[in-house]
C-alpha atoms as a PDB file:
ATOM      1  CA  MET A   1      56.934-137.231  19.445  1.00  0.00           C
ATOM      2  CA  ASN A   2      56.455-135.105  22.525  1.00  0.00           C
ATOM      3  CA  TYR A   3      59.971-134.886  23.938  1.00  0.00           C
ATOM      4  CA  LYS A   4      60.711-132.770  26.978  1.00  0.00           C
ATOM      5  CA  GLN A   5      64.341-131.879  26.271  1.00  0.00           C
ATOM      6  CA  LEU A   6      67.165-132.002  23.746  1.00  0.00           C
ATOM      7  CA  THR A   7      70.609-132.452  25.299  1.00  0.00           C
ATOM      8  CA  SER A   8      73.708-131.767  23.211  1.00  0.00           C
ATOM      9  CA  ILE A   9      76.557-133.981  24.434  1.00  0.00           C
ATOM     10  CA  TYR A  10      80.025-133.512  23.036  1.00  0.00           C
ATOM     11  CA  PHE A  11      83.723-134.156  23.385  1.00  0.00           C
ATOM     12  CA  SER A  12      85.181-131.082  21.686  1.00  0.00           C
ATOM     13  CA  PRO A  13      88.812-130.184  22.524  1.00  0.00           C
ATOM     14  CA  THR A  14      89.149-127.354  19.973  1.00  0.00           C
ATOM     15  CA  GLY A  15      85.504-126.275  20.115  1.00  0.00           C
ATOM     16  CA  SER A  16      84.614-127.189  16.519  1.00  0.00           C
ATOM     17  CA  THR A  17      82.320-130.090  17.369  1.00  0.00           C
ATOM     18  CA  LYS A  18      80.567-128.028  20.033  1.00  0.00           C
ATOM     19  CA  ALA A  19      79.986-125.198  17.532  1.00  0.00           C
ATOM     20  CA  VAL A  20      78.453-127.533  14.940  1.00  0.00           C
ATOM     21  CA  ALA A  21      76.260-129.228  17.546  1.00  0.00           C
ATOM     22  CA  GLU A  22      74.954-125.834  18.629  1.00  0.00           C
ATOM     23  CA  LEU A  23      74.176-124.839  15.026  1.00  0.00           C
ATOM     24  CA  ILE A  24      72.075-127.973  14.579  1.00  0.00           C
ATOM     25  CA  ALA A  25      70.380-127.794  17.980  1.00  0.00           C
ATOM     26  CA  ALA A  26      69.373-124.164  17.417  1.00  0.00           C
ATOM     27  CA  GLN A  27      66.942-125.280  14.711  1.00  0.00           C
ATOM     28  CA  ILE A  28      65.106-127.743  16.937  1.00  0.00           C
ATOM     29  CA  PRO A  29      62.372-126.234  19.119  1.00  0.00           C
ATOM     30  CA  GLY A  30      61.930-126.926  22.809  1.00  0.00           C
ATOM     31  CA  GLN A  31      64.013-126.979  25.961  1.00  0.00           C
ATOM     32  CA  LYS A  32      67.753-127.385  25.443  1.00  0.00           C
ATOM     33  CA  GLU A  33      70.624-128.475  27.665  1.00  0.00           C
ATOM     34  CA  SER A  34      74.286-129.192  26.965  1.00  0.00           C
ATOM     35  CA  LEU A  35      76.787-131.622  28.454  1.00  0.00           C
ATOM     36  CA  ASP A  36      80.458-130.943  27.726  1.00  0.00           C
ATOM     37  CA  LEU A  37      82.587-134.036  28.380  1.00  0.00           C
ATOM     38  CA  THR A  38      85.834-132.436  27.221  1.00  0.00           C
ATOM     39  CA  GLU A  39      87.530-131.366  30.431  1.00  0.00           C
ATOM     40  CA  ALA A  40      89.159-133.846  32.760  1.00  0.00           C
ATOM     41  CA  SER A  41      87.376-134.790  35.951  1.00  0.00           C
ATOM     42  CA  LYS A  42      88.385-137.212  38.686  1.00  0.00           C
ATOM     43  CA  THR A  43      84.751-138.009  39.349  1.00  0.00           C
ATOM     44  CA  ARG A  44      81.920-137.805  36.864  1.00  0.00           C
ATOM     45  CA  PRO A  45      78.300-138.673  37.664  1.00  0.00           C
ATOM     46  CA  ASP A  46      76.127-141.035  35.654  1.00  0.00           C
ATOM     47  CA  TYR A  47      73.865-139.256  33.193  1.00  0.00           C
ATOM     48  CA  ARG A  48      70.528-140.962  32.598  1.00  0.00           C
ATOM     49  CA  PHE A  49      68.091-140.113  29.821  1.00  0.00           C
ATOM     50  CA  THR A  50      64.496-141.204  29.412  1.00  0.00           C
ATOM     51  CA  GLU A  51      62.482-142.286  26.392  1.00  0.00           C
ATOM     52  CA  ASN A  52      60.889-138.844  26.069  1.00  0.00           C
ATOM     53  CA  GLU A  53      64.201-137.020  25.734  1.00  0.00           C
ATOM     54  CA  VAL A  54      66.518-136.617  22.734  1.00  0.00           C
ATOM     55  CA  VAL A  55      70.321-136.453  22.679  1.00  0.00           C
ATOM     56  CA  LEU A  56      72.657-135.018  20.054  1.00  0.00           C
ATOM     57  CA  VAL A  57      76.087-136.619  20.524  1.00  0.00           C
ATOM     58  CA  GLY A  58      79.155-135.159  18.800  1.00  0.00           C
ATOM     59  CA  VAL A  59      82.835-136.091  18.539  1.00  0.00           C
ATOM     60  CA  PRO A  60      85.802-135.140  16.355  1.00  0.00           C
ATOM     61  CA  VAL A  61      87.302-137.877  14.188  1.00  0.00           C
ATOM     62  CA  TYR A  62      90.797-139.028  15.144  1.00  0.00           C
ATOM     63  CA  GLY A  63      92.361-141.190  12.449  1.00  0.00           C
ATOM     64  CA  GLY A  64      88.991-142.389  11.201  1.00  0.00           C
ATOM     65  CA  ARG A  65      87.779-143.394  14.678  1.00  0.00           C
ATOM     66  CA  VAL A  66      85.961-142.013  17.703  1.00  0.00           C
ATOM     67  CA  PRO A  67      88.538-140.760  20.254  1.00  0.00           C
ATOM     68  CA  GLU A  68      89.133-143.357  22.968  1.00  0.00           C
ATOM     69  CA  THR A  69      88.769-140.646  25.602  1.00  0.00           C
ATOM     70  CA  ALA A  70      85.274-139.860  24.335  1.00  0.00           C
ATOM     71  CA  ILE A  71      84.294-143.535  24.389  1.00  0.00           C
ATOM     72  CA  GLU A  72      85.457-143.815  27.996  1.00  0.00           C
ATOM     73  CA  ARG A  73      83.344-140.805  28.994  1.00  0.00           C
ATOM     74  CA  PHE A  74      80.300-142.070  27.126  1.00  0.00           C
ATOM     75  CA  GLN A  75      80.270-145.013  29.543  1.00  0.00           C
ATOM     76  CA  LYS A  76      78.703-142.560  31.991  1.00  0.00           C
ATOM     77  CA  LEU A  77      75.708-142.122  29.676  1.00  0.00           C
ATOM     78  CA  GLN A  78      72.649-144.336  29.949  1.00  0.00           C
ATOM     79  CA  GLY A  79      69.662-144.149  27.643  1.00  0.00           C
ATOM     80  CA  ARG A  80      66.264-145.781  27.778  1.00  0.00           C
ATOM     81  CA  GLN A  81      65.579-146.209  24.086  1.00  0.00           C
ATOM     82  CA  THR A  82      66.360-142.489  23.935  1.00  0.00           C
ATOM     83  CA  PRO A  83      66.476-141.145  20.354  1.00  0.00           C
ATOM     84  CA  ALA A  84      70.014-140.085  19.413  1.00  0.00           C
ATOM     85  CA  ILE A  85      71.340-137.793  16.705  1.00  0.00           C
ATOM     86  CA  LEU A  86      74.961-138.609  15.814  1.00  0.00           C
ATOM     87  CA  LEU A  87      77.556-136.033  14.801  1.00  0.00           C
ATOM     88  CA  VAL A  88      81.165-136.470  13.729  1.00  0.00           C
ATOM     89  CA  THR A  89      83.413-133.625  12.600  1.00  0.00           C
ATOM     90  CA  TYR A  90      86.593-134.041  10.605  1.00  0.00           C
ATOM     91  CA  GLY A  91      89.288-131.995   8.879  1.00  0.00           C
ATOM     92  CA  ASN A  92      88.352-132.624   5.226  1.00  0.00           C
ATOM     93  CA  ARG A  93      90.199-135.967   4.970  1.00  0.00           C
ATOM     94  CA  ALA A  94      87.710-138.747   5.792  1.00  0.00           C
ATOM     95  CA  TYR A  95      85.572-139.897   8.692  1.00  0.00           C
ATOM     96  CA  GLU A  96      85.946-143.610   7.803  1.00  0.00           C
ATOM     97  CA  ASP A  97      84.592-145.775  10.661  1.00  0.00           C
ATOM     98  CA  ALA A  98      83.771-143.004  13.135  1.00  0.00           C
ATOM     99  CA  LEU A  99      80.014-142.804  12.537  1.00  0.00           C
ATOM    100  CA  LEU A 100      79.584-146.565  12.698  1.00  0.00           C
ATOM    101  CA  GLU A 101      81.637-146.746  15.875  1.00  0.00           C
ATOM    102  CA  LEU A 102      79.688-143.900  17.491  1.00  0.00           C
ATOM    103  CA  LYS A 103      76.422-145.585  16.540  1.00  0.00           C
ATOM    104  CA  GLN A 104      77.470-148.874  18.150  1.00  0.00           C
ATOM    105  CA  VAL A 105      78.770-147.211  21.317  1.00  0.00           C
ATOM    106  CA  LEU A 106      75.469-145.383  21.818  1.00  0.00           C
ATOM    107  CA  LYS A 107      73.325-148.430  21.054  1.00  0.00           C
ATOM    108  CA  GLU A 108      75.225-150.330  23.732  1.00  0.00           C
ATOM    109  CA  ARG A 109      74.414-147.515  26.167  1.00  0.00           C
ATOM    110  CA  GLY A 110      70.667-147.782  25.538  1.00  0.00           C
ATOM    111  CA  PHE A 111      70.189-145.099  22.882  1.00  0.00           C
ATOM    112  CA  ARG A 112      68.338-145.412  19.594  1.00  0.00           C
ATOM    113  CA  PRO A 113      70.266-143.691  16.764  1.00  0.00           C
ATOM    114  CA  MET A 114      67.829-142.000  14.394  1.00  0.00           C
ATOM    115  CA  SER A 115      69.922-139.600  12.305  1.00  0.00           C
ATOM    116  CA  ALA A 116      73.559-138.707  11.658  1.00  0.00           C
ATOM    117  CA  ALA A 117      75.787-135.998  10.258  1.00  0.00           C
ATOM    118  CA  ALA A 118      79.428-135.893   9.182  1.00  0.00           C
ATOM    119  CA  VAL A 119      80.625-132.298   8.951  1.00  0.00           C
ATOM    120  CA  VAL A 120      83.925-130.784   7.821  1.00  0.00           C
ATOM    121  CA  THR A 121      85.604-128.361  10.221  1.00  0.00           C
ATOM    122  CA  GLU A 122      88.992-126.704  10.297  1.00  0.00           C
ATOM    123  CA  HIS A 123      91.739-129.312  10.677  1.00  0.00           C
ATOM    124  CA  SER A 124      92.946-129.261  14.284  1.00  0.00           C
ATOM    125  CA  ILE A 125      96.622-129.838  13.431  1.00  0.00           C
ATOM    126  CA  VAL A 126      97.093-128.210  10.011  1.00  0.00           C
ATOM    127  CA  ARG A 127      94.717-125.287  10.394  1.00  0.00           C
ATOM    128  CA  SER A 128      95.162-124.134   6.803  1.00  0.00           C
ATOM    129  CA  ILE A 129      93.187-127.230   5.765  1.00  0.00           C
ATOM    130  CA  ALA A 130      89.444-126.469   5.700  1.00  0.00           C
ATOM    131  CA  ALA A 131      90.195-123.082   7.238  1.00  0.00           C
ATOM    132  CA  GLY A 132      87.068-121.176   8.174  1.00  0.00           C
ATOM    133  CA  ARG A 133      84.771-124.162   7.995  1.00  0.00           C
ATOM    134  CA  PRO A 134      81.964-124.523   8.641  1.00  0.00           C
ATOM    135  CA  ASP A 135      81.530-121.595   6.266  1.00  0.00           C
ATOM    136  CA  ALA A 136      78.318-119.834   5.193  1.00  0.00           C
ATOM    137  CA  HIS A 137      77.379-122.638   2.810  1.00  0.00           C
ATOM    138  CA  ASP A 138      77.943-125.271   5.509  1.00  0.00           C
ATOM    139  CA  ARG A 139      75.903-123.290   8.018  1.00  0.00           C
ATOM    140  CA  GLU A 140      73.009-123.061   5.593  1.00  0.00           C
ATOM    141  CA  LEU A 141      73.073-126.835   5.105  1.00  0.00           C
ATOM    142  CA  LEU A 142      73.299-127.394   8.867  1.00  0.00           C
ATOM    143  CA  ALA A 143      70.287-125.141   9.425  1.00  0.00           C
ATOM    144  CA  GLN A 144      68.308-127.114   6.837  1.00  0.00           C
ATOM    145  CA  TYR A 145      69.373-130.367   8.488  1.00  0.00           C
ATOM    146  CA  GLY A 146      68.260-129.102  11.902  1.00  0.00           C
ATOM    147  CA  GLN A 147      64.870-128.180  10.461  1.00  0.00           C
ATOM    148  CA  ARG A 148      64.511-131.648   8.928  1.00  0.00           C
ATOM    149  CA  LEU A 149      65.382-133.163  12.297  1.00  0.00           C
ATOM    150  CA  ALA A 150      62.688-131.107  13.976  1.00  0.00           C
ATOM    151  CA  GLN A 151      60.134-132.497  11.527  1.00  0.00           C
ATOM    152  CA  GLN A 152      61.507-136.028  11.888  1.00  0.00           C
ATOM    153  CA  LEU A 153      61.153-135.826  15.671  1.00  0.00           C
ATOM    154  CA  ALA A 154      57.617-134.503  15.333  1.00  0.00           C
ATOM    155  CA  ASP A 155      56.719-137.476  13.118  1.00  0.00           C
ATOM    156  CA  VAL A 156      58.023-140.134  15.540  1.00  0.00           C
ATOM    157  CA  ARG A 157      55.066-141.824  17.234  1.00  0.00           C
ATOM    158  CA  CYS A 158      57.002-144.427  19.226  1.00  0.00           C
ATOM    159  CA  ASN A 159      60.726-144.777  19.849  1.00  0.00           C
ATOM    160  CA  TYR A 160      60.557-148.494  19.105  1.00  0.00           C
ATOM    161  CA  GLU A 161      59.423-147.689  15.570  1.00  0.00           C
ATOM    162  CA  ILE A 162      62.666-145.839  14.770  1.00  0.00           C
ATOM    163  CA  PRO A 163      64.349-148.026  12.115  1.00  0.00           C
ATOM    164  CA  ASP A 164      67.971-149.116  12.353  1.00  0.00           C
ATOM    165  CA  LEU A 165      70.164-146.271  11.151  1.00  0.00           C
ATOM    166  CA  VAL A 166      72.478-147.252   8.303  1.00  0.00           C
ATOM    167  CA  VAL A 167      75.768-145.314   8.254  1.00  0.00           C
ATOM    168  CA  LYS A 168      79.076-145.674   6.450  1.00  0.00           C
ATOM    169  CA  GLY A 169      81.945-147.554   8.054  1.00  0.00           C
ATOM    170  CA  ASN A 170      83.518-150.961   8.386  1.00  0.00           C
ATOM    171  CA  TYR A 171      83.793-153.460  11.201  1.00  0.00           C
ATOM    172  CA  PRO A 172      86.305-154.492  12.463  1.00  0.00           C
ATOM    173  CA  TYR A 173      87.243-150.827  12.698  1.00  0.00           C
ATOM    174  CA  LYS A 174      90.545-149.617  11.300  1.00  0.00           C
ATOM    175  CA  GLU A 175      93.495-149.757  13.660  1.00  0.00           C
ATOM    176  CA  ARG A 176      94.276-146.669  15.692  1.00  0.00           C
ATOM    177  CA  HIS A 177      97.481-144.879  14.719  1.00  0.00           C
ATOM    178  CA  VAL A 178      99.093-142.032  16.619  1.00  0.00           C
ATOM    179  CA  LEU A 179     101.005-139.452  14.608  1.00  0.00           C
ATOM    180  CA  PRO A 180     104.573-138.842  15.838  1.00  0.00           C
ATOM    181  CA  LEU A 181     103.813-135.408  17.261  1.00  0.00           C
ATOM    182  CA  LYS A 182     105.583-133.324  19.862  1.00  0.00           C
ATOM    183  CA  ILE A 183     104.178-130.110  21.243  1.00  0.00           C
ATOM    184  CA  LYS A 184     106.855-127.546  21.981  1.00  0.00           C
ATOM    185  CA  VAL A 185     106.674-124.832  24.630  1.00  0.00           C
ATOM    186  CA  SER A 186     108.382-121.562  23.737  1.00  0.00           C
ATOM    187  CA  SER A 187     109.996-118.950  25.944  1.00  0.00           C
ATOM    188  CA  SER A 188     106.834-116.857  25.668  1.00  0.00           C
ATOM    189  CA  CYS A 189     105.066-119.242  28.066  1.00  0.00           C
ATOM    190  CA  THR A 190     104.135-117.287  31.206  1.00  0.00           C
ATOM    191  CA  GLY A 191     103.156-120.292  33.286  1.00  0.00           C
ATOM    192  CA  CYS A 192      99.575-119.029  33.604  1.00  0.00           C
ATOM    193  CA  GLY A 193      98.237-122.583  33.857  1.00  0.00           C
ATOM    194  CA  THR A 194      95.501-122.249  31.229  1.00  0.00           C
ATOM    195  CA  CYS A 195      96.763-125.309  29.369  1.00  0.00           C
ATOM    196  CA  ILE A 196      97.007-127.317  32.598  1.00  0.00           C
ATOM    197  CA  ARG A 197      93.399-126.593  33.523  1.00  0.00           C
ATOM    198  CA  SER A 198      92.140-127.220  29.984  1.00  0.00           C
ATOM    199  CA  CYS A 199      93.897-130.485  29.107  1.00  0.00           C
ATOM    200  CA  PRO A 200      91.210-133.169  28.658  1.00  0.00           C
ATOM    201  CA  VAL A 201      93.494-135.955  29.934  1.00  0.00           C
ATOM    202  CA  GLN A 202      95.697-134.092  32.442  1.00  0.00           C
ATOM    203  CA  ALA A 203      98.806-134.764  30.381  1.00  0.00           C
ATOM    204  CA  ILE A 204     100.506-131.509  31.449  1.00  0.00           C
ATOM    205  CA  SER A 205     102.352-131.263  34.757  1.00  0.00           C
ATOM    206  CA  CYS A 206     100.327-129.332  37.341  1.00  0.00           C
ATOM    207  CA  THR A 207     103.496-127.522  38.465  1.00  0.00           C
ATOM    208  CA  ASP A 208     105.359-126.938  35.195  1.00  0.00           C
ATOM    209  CA  PRO A 209     103.500-126.503  31.863  1.00  0.00           C
ATOM    210  CA  LYS A 210     106.704-127.296  29.993  1.00  0.00           C
ATOM    211  CA  VAL A 211     106.553-130.890  31.256  1.00  0.00           C
ATOM    212  CA  MET A 212     104.194-133.272  29.442  1.00  0.00           C
ATOM    213  CA  ASP A 213     103.295-136.909  29.842  1.00  0.00           C
ATOM    214  CA  GLU A 214     103.567-137.886  26.183  1.00  0.00           C
ATOM    215  CA  ALA A 215     102.126-141.341  26.839  1.00  0.00           C
ATOM    216  CA  ARG A 216      98.944-139.742  28.174  1.00  0.00           C
ATOM    217  CA  CYS A 217      98.660-136.921  25.601  1.00  0.00           C
ATOM    218  CA  ILE A 218      96.036-137.520  22.877  1.00  0.00           C
ATOM    219  CA  TYR A 219      97.313-134.632  20.697  1.00  0.00           C
ATOM    220  CA  CYS A 220      93.902-133.007  20.575  1.00  0.00           C
ATOM    221  CA  MET A 221      95.594-129.570  20.222  1.00  0.00           C
ATOM    222  CA  ARG A 222      93.451-128.008  22.919  1.00  0.00           C
ATOM    223  CA  CYS A 223      96.472-126.682  24.828  1.00  0.00           C
ATOM    224  CA  VAL A 224      97.824-125.069  21.655  1.00  0.00           C
ATOM    225  CA  GLN A 225      94.512-123.378  20.951  1.00  0.00           C
ATOM    226  CA  VAL A 226      93.790-122.065  24.458  1.00  0.00           C
ATOM    227  CA  CYS A 227      97.269-120.666  25.203  1.00  0.00           C
ATOM    228  CA  PRO A 228      96.718-116.889  25.508  1.00  0.00           C
ATOM    229  CA  VAL A 229     100.257-116.024  24.339  1.00  0.00           C
ATOM    230  CA  GLY A 230     100.731-118.660  21.619  1.00  0.00           C
ATOM    231  CA  GLY A 231     103.412-120.359  23.677  1.00  0.00           C
ATOM    232  CA  ARG A 232     102.558-123.913  22.617  1.00  0.00           C
ATOM    233  CA  LYS A 233     102.824-125.284  19.098  1.00  0.00           C
ATOM    234  CA  LEU A 234     104.027-128.159  16.977  1.00  0.00           C
ATOM    235  CA  GLY A 235     107.523-127.922  15.585  1.00  0.00           C
ATOM    236  CA  THR A 236     107.771-126.330  12.139  1.00  0.00           C
ATOM    237  CA  LEU A 237     109.248-129.471  10.585  1.00  0.00           C
ATOM    238  CA  THR A 238     106.451-131.606  12.033  1.00  0.00           C
ATOM    239  CA  GLN A 239     103.837-129.185  10.717  1.00  0.00           C
ATOM    240  CA  LEU A 240     105.350-129.287   7.239  1.00  0.00           C
ATOM    241  CA  MET A 241     105.576-133.075   7.273  1.00  0.00           C
ATOM    242  CA  ILE A 242     101.925-133.500   8.248  1.00  0.00           C
ATOM    243  CA  ALA A 243     100.763-130.818   5.800  1.00  0.00           C
ATOM    244  CA  GLN A 244     102.614-132.559   2.972  1.00  0.00           C
ATOM    245  CA  LYS A 245     101.141-135.928   3.975  1.00  0.00           C
ATOM    246  CA  LEU A 246      97.604-134.517   3.972  1.00  0.00           C
ATOM    247  CA  LYS A 247      97.959-132.231   0.961  1.00  0.00           C
ATOM    248  CA  LYS A 248      96.683-134.682  -1.638  1.00  0.00           C
ATOM    249  CA  VAL A 249      93.917-136.403   0.359  1.00  0.00           C
ATOM    250  CA  CYS A 250      92.552-133.093   1.638  1.00  0.00           C
ATOM    251  CA  ALA A 251      92.803-131.159  -1.621  1.00  0.00           C
ATOM    252  CA  ASP A 252      89.190-131.546  -2.772  1.00  0.00           C
ATOM    253  CA  ARG A 253      86.454-129.850  -0.780  1.00  0.00           C
ATOM    254  CA  LYS A 254      84.222-132.353   0.979  1.00  0.00           C
ATOM    255  CA  GLU A 255      80.622-131.429   1.726  1.00  0.00           C
ATOM    256  CA  PRO A 256      78.618-132.245   4.863  1.00  0.00           C
ATOM    257  CA  GLU A 257      76.807-135.588   4.773  1.00  0.00           C
ATOM    258  CA  PHE A 258      73.457-136.119   6.447  1.00  0.00           C
ATOM    259  CA  ILE A 259      71.637-139.384   7.099  1.00  0.00           C
ATOM    260  CA  VAL A 260      67.975-138.874   8.015  1.00  0.00           C
END
């Protein structure tokens, strides 16, 4: 297939999904672009892709599903039987229905899923889980996957010949559940506004970073990560409760999965 461009598209609040997408894309030759749908925007243009382009679309897994915010932003994407590479990242628990859901969302937007990856990254809430991942072993596997993708793309003669991609997951999808989290702001907060500007859903007051709209917050942990003075964090008791809940299901190392 003679494609003119590979565009990496991602919703990546803590940067992990973006990093993995870039590792994969680096192995695929040709012109590259990126489209970061993480930050909030009052107006967002429509993004149209042709049949001689390729997209790599990545999201983190939230409770076994694609984040609703990402799905909303993907409504601005429009393919024309454009080949799509799917990527989900998760914190060593399980990705459950996320790949299947991402596949269906993109098919409805005119894309043709051709390959998929589910990759473990550091857990966004309990960062001791899968700490440092993707590690050297993961990166080697991701490089090999990217090289296989490059060959797969070269072998495609016609987009309409791309077979239906079979991925794990169940439909109806599992119900969405929100963990009872509360992000606390300490006295070290300087009011610099970094968290306000970075929040993907504008859940932080534009005049006082200590004030949050908890109904709007998606607990993506972006504000915690970007705070330059470490002034935002989950309460210690909450951290311990979640860590204990995840301890057993996250104990065994899970390896990246690739569907080509």
